[in-house]
Amino acid sequence: MYAFREEANCADTDPDAFFATEGTSAYPSLKLIQRICSGCTVADQCLDYALKHEVLGYWGNTTEFQRRVLRKKLNIIPRQLYLDYN
């Protein structure tokens, strides 16, 4: 699905840390996530994937809200993930 994942700084991190707490827009450890993403060598690929696909959580050093703003600014219509599972 996304080959860059194995090279990402977050490869060994608990995936739950990258999703907002249910019912809020707050990430459990935003400072930790930002530190992990800031030095990642594949952050650009991660962000590109997240902008082009309708993914949830923190990707490419951005929140879901930040990606919605970027998509609107860049005129990107994200692809639904289920379309990639054929």
PDB file of N, CA and C in Angstrom:
ATOM      1  N   MET A   1       0.818  -1.186   0.000  1.00  0.00           N
ATOM      2  CA  MET A   1       0.000   0.000   0.000  1.00  0.00           C
ATOM      3  C   MET A   1       0.865   1.255   0.000  1.00  0.00           C
ATOM      4  N   TYR A   2       1.778   1.362   0.930  1.00  0.00           N
ATOM      5  CA  TYR A   2       2.704   2.489   0.927  1.00  0.00           C
ATOM      6  C   TYR A   2       4.077   1.976   1.350  1.00  0.00           C
ATOM      7  N   ALA A   3       4.978   1.902   0.386  1.00  0.00           N
ATOM      8  CA  ALA A   3       6.302   1.303   0.581  1.00  0.00           C
ATOM      9  C   ALA A   3       7.192   2.103   1.527  1.00  0.00           C
ATOM     10  N   PHE A   4       6.959   3.381   1.646  1.00  0.00           N
ATOM     11  CA  PHE A   4       7.812   4.223   2.480  1.00  0.00           C
ATOM     12  C   PHE A   4       7.670   3.905   3.969  1.00  0.00           C
ATOM     13  N   ARG A   5       6.626   3.219   4.361  1.00  0.00           N
ATOM     14  CA  ARG A   5       6.327   2.965   5.784  1.00  0.00           C
ATOM     15  C   ARG A   5       7.489   2.295   6.517  1.00  0.00           C
ATOM     16  N   GLU A   6       8.168   1.364   5.881  1.00  0.00           N
ATOM     17  CA  GLU A   6       9.260   0.647   6.539  1.00  0.00           C
ATOM     18  C   GLU A   6      10.436   1.556   6.874  1.00  0.00           C
ATOM     19  N   GLU A   7      10.619   2.634   6.115  1.00  0.00           N
ATOM     20  CA  GLU A   7      11.728   3.565   6.338  1.00  0.00           C
ATOM     21  C   GLU A   7      11.351   4.721   7.258  1.00  0.00           C
ATOM     22  N   ALA A   8      10.081   4.815   7.618  1.00  0.00           N
ATOM     23  CA  ALA A   8       9.592   5.937   8.416  1.00  0.00           C
ATOM     24  C   ALA A   8      10.057   5.845   9.869  1.00  0.00           C
ATOM     25  N   ASN A   9      10.261   7.000  10.479  1.00  0.00           N
ATOM     26  CA  ASN A   9      10.636   7.053  11.894  1.00  0.00           C
ATOM     27  C   ASN A   9       9.585   6.406  12.783  1.00  0.00           C
ATOM     28  N   CYS A  10       8.342   6.400  12.327  1.00  0.00           N
ATOM     29  CA  CYS A  10       7.242   5.887  13.137  1.00  0.00           C
ATOM     30  C   CYS A  10       7.007   4.391  12.967  1.00  0.00           C
ATOM     31  N   ALA A  11       7.834   3.721  12.202  1.00  0.00           N
ATOM     32  CA  ALA A  11       7.618   2.301  11.908  1.00  0.00           C
ATOM     33  C   ALA A  11       7.494   1.443  13.167  1.00  0.00           C
ATOM     34  N   ASP A  12       8.203   1.787  14.219  1.00  0.00           N
ATOM     35  CA  ASP A  12       8.159   0.993  15.450  1.00  0.00           C
ATOM     36  C   ASP A  12       7.344   1.664  16.560  1.00  0.00           C
ATOM     37  N   THR A  13       6.586   2.686  16.207  1.00  0.00           N
ATOM     38  CA  THR A  13       5.794   3.432  17.182  1.00  0.00           C
ATOM     39  C   THR A  13       4.367   2.881  17.217  1.00  0.00           C
ATOM     40  N   ASP A  14       3.742   2.904  18.371  1.00  0.00           N
ATOM     41  CA  ASP A  14       2.360   2.453  18.523  1.00  0.00           C
ATOM     42  C   ASP A  14       1.452   3.282  17.607  1.00  0.00           C
ATOM     43  N   PRO A  15       0.776   2.664  16.662  1.00  0.00           N
ATOM     44  CA  PRO A  15      -0.074   3.399  15.717  1.00  0.00           C
ATOM     45  C   PRO A  15      -1.172   4.228  16.390  1.00  0.00           C
ATOM     46  N   ASP A  16      -1.647   3.801  17.562  1.00  0.00           N
ATOM     47  CA  ASP A  16      -2.707   4.538  18.250  1.00  0.00           C
ATOM     48  C   ASP A  16      -2.294   5.965  18.599  1.00  0.00           C
ATOM     49  N   ALA A  17      -1.009   6.215  18.721  1.00  0.00           N
ATOM     50  CA  ALA A  17      -0.526   7.555  19.058  1.00  0.00           C
ATOM     51  C   ALA A  17      -0.813   8.555  17.938  1.00  0.00           C
ATOM     52  N   PHE A  18      -1.046   8.057  16.724  1.00  0.00           N
ATOM     53  CA  PHE A  18      -1.214   8.922  15.561  1.00  0.00           C
ATOM     54  C   PHE A  18      -2.667   9.232  15.236  1.00  0.00           C
ATOM     55  N   PHE A  19      -3.556   8.882  16.147  1.00  0.00           N
ATOM     56  CA  PHE A  19      -4.973   9.140  15.936  1.00  0.00           C
ATOM     57  C   PHE A  19      -5.533   9.963  17.081  1.00  0.00           C
ATOM     58  N   ALA A  20      -6.411  10.896  16.745  1.00  0.00           N
ATOM     59  CA  ALA A  20      -7.028  11.754  17.755  1.00  0.00           C
ATOM     60  C   ALA A  20      -7.868  10.906  18.699  1.00  0.00           C
ATOM     61  N   THR A  21      -7.959  11.358  19.930  1.00  0.00           N
ATOM     62  CA  THR A  21      -8.784  10.687  20.918  1.00  0.00           C
ATOM     63  C   THR A  21     -10.233  10.737  20.448  1.00  0.00           C
ATOM     64  N   GLU A  22     -10.936   9.634  20.602  1.00  0.00           N
ATOM     65  CA  GLU A  22     -12.312   9.538  20.124  1.00  0.00           C
ATOM     66  C   GLU A  22     -13.169  10.680  20.676  1.00  0.00           C
ATOM     67  N   GLY A  23     -13.892  11.322  19.782  1.00  0.00           N
ATOM     68  CA  GLY A  23     -14.775  12.408  20.171  1.00  0.00           C
ATOM     69  C   GLY A  23     -14.095  13.768  20.301  1.00  0.00           C
ATOM     70  N   THR A  24     -12.782  13.828  20.048  1.00  0.00           N
ATOM     71  CA  THR A  24     -12.062  15.105  20.118  1.00  0.00           C
ATOM     72  C   THR A  24     -11.140  15.228  18.914  1.00  0.00           C
ATOM     73  N   SER A  25     -10.482  16.356  18.815  1.00  0.00           N
ATOM     74  CA  SER A  25      -9.472  16.517  17.761  1.00  0.00           C
ATOM     75  C   SER A  25      -8.081  16.503  18.379  1.00  0.00           C
ATOM     76  N   ALA A  26      -7.990  16.086  19.648  1.00  0.00           N
ATOM     77  CA  ALA A  26      -6.719  16.085  20.374  1.00  0.00           C
ATOM     78  C   ALA A  26      -5.977  14.758  20.195  1.00  0.00           C
ATOM     79  N   TYR A  27      -4.717  14.847  19.852  1.00  0.00           N
ATOM     80  CA  TYR A  27      -3.879  13.656  19.725  1.00  0.00           C
ATOM     81  C   TYR A  27      -3.266  13.374  21.091  1.00  0.00           C
ATOM     82  N   PRO A  28      -3.180  12.100  21.496  1.00  0.00           N
ATOM     83  CA  PRO A  28      -2.721  11.761  22.837  1.00  0.00           C
ATOM     84  C   PRO A  28      -1.327  12.286  23.176  1.00  0.00           C
ATOM     85  N   SER A  29      -0.443  12.296  22.222  1.00  0.00           N
ATOM     86  CA  SER A  29       0.924  12.760  22.498  1.00  0.00           C
ATOM     87  C   SER A  29       1.446  13.557  21.309  1.00  0.00           C
ATOM     88  N   LEU A  30       0.811  14.673  21.041  1.00  0.00           N
ATOM     89  CA  LEU A  30       1.124  15.487  19.869  1.00  0.00           C
ATOM     90  C   LEU A  30       2.588  15.909  19.825  1.00  0.00           C
ATOM     91  N   LYS A  31       3.157  16.294  20.939  1.00  0.00           N
ATOM     92  CA  LYS A  31       4.570  16.722  20.961  1.00  0.00           C
ATOM     93  C   LYS A  31       5.489  15.572  20.540  1.00  0.00           C
ATOM     94  N   LEU A  32       5.216  14.374  21.023  1.00  0.00           N
ATOM     95  CA  LEU A  32       6.006  13.198  20.650  1.00  0.00           C
ATOM     96  C   LEU A  32       5.866  12.914  19.154  1.00  0.00           C
ATOM     97  N   ILE A  33       4.655  12.955  18.670  1.00  0.00           N
ATOM     98  CA  ILE A  33       4.401  12.692  17.250  1.00  0.00           C
ATOM     99  C   ILE A  33       5.132  13.710  16.383  1.00  0.00           C
ATOM    100  N   GLN A  34       5.072  14.972  16.761  1.00  0.00           N
ATOM    101  CA  GLN A  34       5.750  16.016  15.992  1.00  0.00           C
ATOM    102  C   GLN A  34       7.256  15.807  15.980  1.00  0.00           C
ATOM    103  N   ARG A  35       7.820  15.377  17.106  1.00  0.00           N
ATOM    104  CA  ARG A  35       9.266  15.095  17.168  1.00  0.00           C
ATOM    105  C   ARG A  35       9.622  13.931  16.252  1.00  0.00           C
ATOM    106  N   ILE A  36       8.812  12.902  16.257  1.00  0.00           N
ATOM    107  CA  ILE A  36       9.060  11.736  15.407  1.00  0.00           C
ATOM    108  C   ILE A  36       9.014  12.139  13.937  1.00  0.00           C
ATOM    109  N   CYS A  37       7.998  12.874  13.557  1.00  0.00           N
ATOM    110  CA  CYS A  37       7.813  13.261  12.151  1.00  0.00           C
ATOM    111  C   CYS A  37       8.830  14.299  11.671  1.00  0.00           C
ATOM    112  N   SER A  38       9.252  15.184  12.553  1.00  0.00           N
ATOM    113  CA  SER A  38      10.102  16.289  12.117  1.00  0.00           C
ATOM    114  C   SER A  38      11.436  15.835  11.538  1.00  0.00           C
ATOM    115  N   GLY A  39      11.982  14.741  11.998  1.00  0.00           N
ATOM    116  CA  GLY A  39      13.260  14.277  11.486  1.00  0.00           C
ATOM    117  C   GLY A  39      13.145  13.104  10.524  1.00  0.00           C
ATOM    118  N   CYS A  40      11.948  12.811  10.074  1.00  0.00           N
ATOM    119  CA  CYS A  40      11.727  11.637   9.225  1.00  0.00           C
ATOM    120  C   CYS A  40      12.177  11.890   7.786  1.00  0.00           C
ATOM    121  N   THR A  41      12.884  10.927   7.238  1.00  0.00           N
ATOM    122  CA  THR A  41      13.398  11.062   5.862  1.00  0.00           C
ATOM    123  C   THR A  41      12.315  10.829   4.810  1.00  0.00           C
ATOM    124  N   VAL A  42      11.203  10.231   5.187  1.00  0.00           N
ATOM    125  CA  VAL A  42      10.139   9.970   4.218  1.00  0.00           C
ATOM    126  C   VAL A  42       8.871  10.786   4.520  1.00  0.00           C
ATOM    127  N   ALA A  43       9.002  11.846   5.300  1.00  0.00           N
ATOM    128  CA  ALA A  43       7.843  12.676   5.662  1.00  0.00           C
ATOM    129  C   ALA A  43       7.157  13.260   4.425  1.00  0.00           C
ATOM    130  N   ASP A  44       7.919  13.641   3.419  1.00  0.00           N
ATOM    131  CA  ASP A  44       7.318  14.195   2.197  1.00  0.00           C
ATOM    132  C   ASP A  44       6.474  13.151   1.473  1.00  0.00           C
ATOM    133  N   GLN A  45       6.974  11.922   1.393  1.00  0.00           N
ATOM    134  CA  GLN A  45       6.215  10.842   0.761  1.00  0.00           C
ATOM    135  C   GLN A  45       4.953  10.527   1.561  1.00  0.00           C
ATOM    136  N   CYS A  46       5.088  10.556   2.867  1.00  0.00           N
ATOM    137  CA  CYS A  46       3.966  10.303   3.761  1.00  0.00           C
ATOM    138  C   CYS A  46       2.882  11.373   3.572  1.00  0.00           C
ATOM    139  N   LEU A  47       3.289  12.617   3.533  1.00  0.00           N
ATOM    140  CA  LEU A  47       2.337  13.708   3.334  1.00  0.00           C
ATOM    141  C   LEU A  47       1.681  13.607   1.961  1.00  0.00           C
ATOM    142  N   ASP A  48       2.448  13.310   0.945  1.00  0.00           N
ATOM    143  CA  ASP A  48       1.902  13.161  -0.402  1.00  0.00           C
ATOM    144  C   ASP A  48       0.824  12.077  -0.426  1.00  0.00           C
ATOM    145  N   TYR A  49       1.114  10.943   0.202  1.00  0.00           N
ATOM    146  CA  TYR A  49       0.143   9.853   0.271  1.00  0.00           C
ATOM    147  C   TYR A  49      -1.116  10.310   1.001  1.00  0.00           C
ATOM    148  N   ALA A  50      -0.930  10.979   2.141  1.00  0.00           N
ATOM    149  CA  ALA A  50      -2.063  11.415   2.948  1.00  0.00           C
ATOM    150  C   ALA A  50      -2.915  12.462   2.238  1.00  0.00           C
ATOM    151  N   LEU A  51      -2.289  13.310   1.449  1.00  0.00           N
ATOM    152  CA  LEU A  51      -3.052  14.306   0.704  1.00  0.00           C
ATOM    153  C   LEU A  51      -3.861  13.659  -0.413  1.00  0.00           C
ATOM    154  N   LYS A  52      -3.311  12.632  -1.025  1.00  0.00           N
ATOM    155  CA  LYS A  52      -3.969  11.981  -2.156  1.00  0.00           C
ATOM    156  C   LYS A  52      -4.987  10.922  -1.755  1.00  0.00           C
ATOM    157  N   HIS A  53      -4.965  10.506  -0.497  1.00  0.00           N
ATOM    158  CA  HIS A  53      -5.891   9.496  -0.002  1.00  0.00           C
ATOM    159  C   HIS A  53      -6.641  10.026   1.211  1.00  0.00           C
ATOM    160  N   GLU A  54      -7.820   9.538   1.400  1.00  0.00           N
ATOM    161  CA  GLU A  54      -8.660   9.966   2.525  1.00  0.00           C
ATOM    162  C   GLU A  54      -8.287   9.154   3.764  1.00  0.00           C
ATOM    163  N   VAL A  55      -7.175   9.526   4.405  1.00  0.00           N
ATOM    164  CA  VAL A  55      -6.693   8.808   5.584  1.00  0.00           C
ATOM    165  C   VAL A  55      -6.992   9.594   6.848  1.00  0.00           C
ATOM    166  N   LEU A  56      -7.117   8.879   7.943  1.00  0.00           N
ATOM    167  CA  LEU A  56      -7.340   9.494   9.239  1.00  0.00           C
ATOM    168  C   LEU A  56      -6.039   9.505  10.012  1.00  0.00           C
ATOM    169  N   GLY A  57      -5.949  10.360  11.012  1.00  0.00           N
ATOM    170  CA  GLY A  57      -4.770  10.379  11.859  1.00  0.00           C
ATOM    171  C   GLY A  57      -3.734  11.395  11.423  1.00  0.00           C
ATOM    172  N   TYR A  58      -2.579  11.292  12.038  1.00  0.00           N
ATOM    173  CA  TYR A  58      -1.465  12.223  11.821  1.00  0.00           C
ATOM    174  C   TYR A  58      -0.529  11.613  10.787  1.00  0.00           C
ATOM    175  N   TRP A  59      -0.356  12.264   9.660  1.00  0.00           N
ATOM    176  CA  TRP A  59       0.480  11.779   8.558  1.00  0.00           C
ATOM    177  C   TRP A  59       1.345  12.920   8.048  1.00  0.00           C
ATOM    178  N   GLY A  60       2.589  12.636   7.753  1.00  0.00           N
ATOM    179  CA  GLY A  60       3.465  13.632   7.133  1.00  0.00           C
ATOM    180  C   GLY A  60       3.543  14.924   7.914  1.00  0.00           C
ATOM    181  N   ASN A  61       3.520  14.815   9.229  1.00  0.00           N
ATOM    182  CA  ASN A  61       3.613  15.960  10.127  1.00  0.00           C
ATOM    183  C   ASN A  61       2.416  16.897   9.999  1.00  0.00           C
ATOM    184  N   THR A  62       1.234  16.341   9.666  1.00  0.00           N
ATOM    185  CA  THR A  62       0.010  17.143   9.563  1.00  0.00           C
ATOM    186  C   THR A  62      -1.159  16.423  10.228  1.00  0.00           C
ATOM    187  N   THR A  63      -2.091  17.215  10.719  1.00  0.00           N
ATOM    188  CA  THR A  63      -3.340  16.683  11.251  1.00  0.00           C
ATOM    189  C   THR A  63      -4.339  16.556  10.106  1.00  0.00           C
ATOM    190  N   GLU A  64      -5.467  15.908  10.385  1.00  0.00           N
ATOM    191  CA  GLU A  64      -6.515  15.783   9.369  1.00  0.00           C
ATOM    192  C   GLU A  64      -7.005  17.164   8.933  1.00  0.00           C
ATOM    193  N   PHE A  65      -7.173  18.071   9.881  1.00  0.00           N
ATOM    194  CA  PHE A  65      -7.628  19.422   9.564  1.00  0.00           C
ATOM    195  C   PHE A  65      -6.622  20.152   8.669  1.00  0.00           C
ATOM    196  N   GLN A  66      -5.334  20.052   9.009  1.00  0.00           N
ATOM    197  CA  GLN A  66      -4.302  20.716   8.201  1.00  0.00           C
ATOM    198  C   GLN A  66      -4.297  20.180   6.773  1.00  0.00           C
ATOM    199  N   ARG A  67      -4.531  18.876   6.613  1.00  0.00           N
ATOM    200  CA  ARG A  67      -4.572  18.295   5.262  1.00  0.00           C
ATOM    201  C   ARG A  67      -5.798  18.765   4.489  1.00  0.00           C
ATOM    202  N   ARG A  68      -6.925  18.926   5.166  1.00  0.00           N
ATOM    203  CA  ARG A  68      -8.112  19.441   4.470  1.00  0.00           C
ATOM    204  C   ARG A  68      -7.840  20.839   3.916  1.00  0.00           C
ATOM    205  N   VAL A  69      -7.179  21.663   4.713  1.00  0.00           N
ATOM    206  CA  VAL A  69      -6.836  23.023   4.271  1.00  0.00           C
ATOM    207  C   VAL A  69      -5.877  22.951   3.078  1.00  0.00           C
ATOM    208  N   LEU A  70      -4.852  22.110   3.172  1.00  0.00           N
ATOM    209  CA  LEU A  70      -3.885  21.969   2.074  1.00  0.00           C
ATOM    210  C   LEU A  70      -4.553  21.451   0.797  1.00  0.00           C
ATOM    211  N   ARG A  71      -5.436  20.462   0.943  1.00  0.00           N
ATOM    212  CA  ARG A  71      -6.127  19.927  -0.239  1.00  0.00           C
ATOM    213  C   ARG A  71      -6.942  21.011  -0.936  1.00  0.00           C
ATOM    214  N   LYS A  72      -7.624  21.812  -0.131  1.00  0.00           N
ATOM    215  CA  LYS A  72      -8.434  22.876  -0.711  1.00  0.00           C
ATOM    216  C   LYS A  72      -7.543  23.883  -1.441  1.00  0.00           C
ATOM    217  N   LYS A  73      -6.451  24.253  -0.804  1.00  0.00           N
ATOM    218  CA  LYS A  73      -5.523  25.221  -1.384  1.00  0.00           C
ATOM    219  C   LYS A  73      -4.882  24.683  -2.670  1.00  0.00           C
ATOM    220  N   LEU A  74      -4.544  23.377  -2.677  1.00  0.00           N
ATOM    221  CA  LEU A  74      -3.870  22.763  -3.817  1.00  0.00           C
ATOM    222  C   LEU A  74      -4.834  22.104  -4.804  1.00  0.00           C
ATOM    223  N   ASN A  75      -6.136  22.227  -4.518  1.00  0.00           N
ATOM    224  CA  ASN A  75      -7.170  21.647  -5.376  1.00  0.00           C
ATOM    225  C   ASN A  75      -6.983  20.132  -5.564  1.00  0.00           C
ATOM    226  N   ILE A  76      -6.818  19.429  -4.455  1.00  0.00           N
ATOM    227  CA  ILE A  76      -6.639  17.976  -4.475  1.00  0.00           C
ATOM    228  C   ILE A  76      -7.914  17.318  -3.969  1.00  0.00           C
ATOM    229  N   ILE A  77      -8.427  16.375  -4.732  1.00  0.00           N
ATOM    230  CA  ILE A  77      -9.563  15.579  -4.302  1.00  0.00           C
ATOM    231  C   ILE A  77      -9.005  14.218  -3.894  1.00  0.00           C
ATOM    232  N   PRO A  78      -9.088  13.867  -2.596  1.00  0.00           N
ATOM    233  CA  PRO A  78      -8.480  12.618  -2.138  1.00  0.00           C
ATOM    234  C   PRO A  78      -9.233  11.389  -2.621  1.00  0.00           C
ATOM    235  N   ARG A  79      -8.479  10.339  -2.849  1.00  0.00           N
ATOM    236  CA  ARG A  79      -9.021   9.048  -3.280  1.00  0.00           C
ATOM    237  C   ARG A  79      -9.453   8.269  -2.040  1.00  0.00           C
ATOM    238  N   GLN A  80     -10.638   7.683  -2.092  1.00  0.00           N
ATOM    239  CA  GLN A  80     -11.102   6.851  -0.990  1.00  0.00           C
ATOM    240  C   GLN A  80     -10.238   5.596  -0.904  1.00  0.00           C
ATOM    241  N   LEU A  81      -9.812   5.228   0.289  1.00  0.00           N
ATOM    242  CA  LEU A  81      -8.911   4.083   0.466  1.00  0.00           C
ATOM    243  C   LEU A  81      -9.475   2.771  -0.059  1.00  0.00           C
ATOM    244  N   TYR A  82     -10.763   2.562   0.089  1.00  0.00           N
ATOM    245  CA  TYR A  82     -11.336   1.288  -0.353  1.00  0.00           C
ATOM    246  C   TYR A  82     -11.142   1.053  -1.850  1.00  0.00           C
ATOM    247  N   LEU A  83     -10.931   2.109  -2.614  1.00  0.00           N
ATOM    248  CA  LEU A  83     -10.707   1.960  -4.047  1.00  0.00           C
ATOM    249  C   LEU A  83      -9.356   1.324  -4.361  1.00  0.00           C
ATOM    250  N   ASP A  84      -8.431   1.334  -3.388  1.00  0.00           N
ATOM    251  CA  ASP A  84      -7.108   0.738  -3.586  1.00  0.00           C
ATOM    252  C   ASP A  84      -7.054  -0.726  -3.197  1.00  0.00           C
ATOM    253  N   TYR A  85      -8.150  -1.276  -2.697  1.00  0.00           N
ATOM    254  CA  TYR A  85      -8.160  -2.658  -2.215  1.00  0.00           C
ATOM    255  C   TYR A  85      -8.715  -3.658  -3.227  1.00  0.00           C
ATOM    256  N   ASN A  86      -8.743  -3.319  -4.478  1.00  0.00           N
ATOM    257  CA  ASN A  86      -9.262  -4.229  -5.505  1.00  0.00           C
ATOM    258  C   ASN A  86      -8.279  -5.286  -5.875  1.00  0.00           C
TER     259      ASN A  86
END
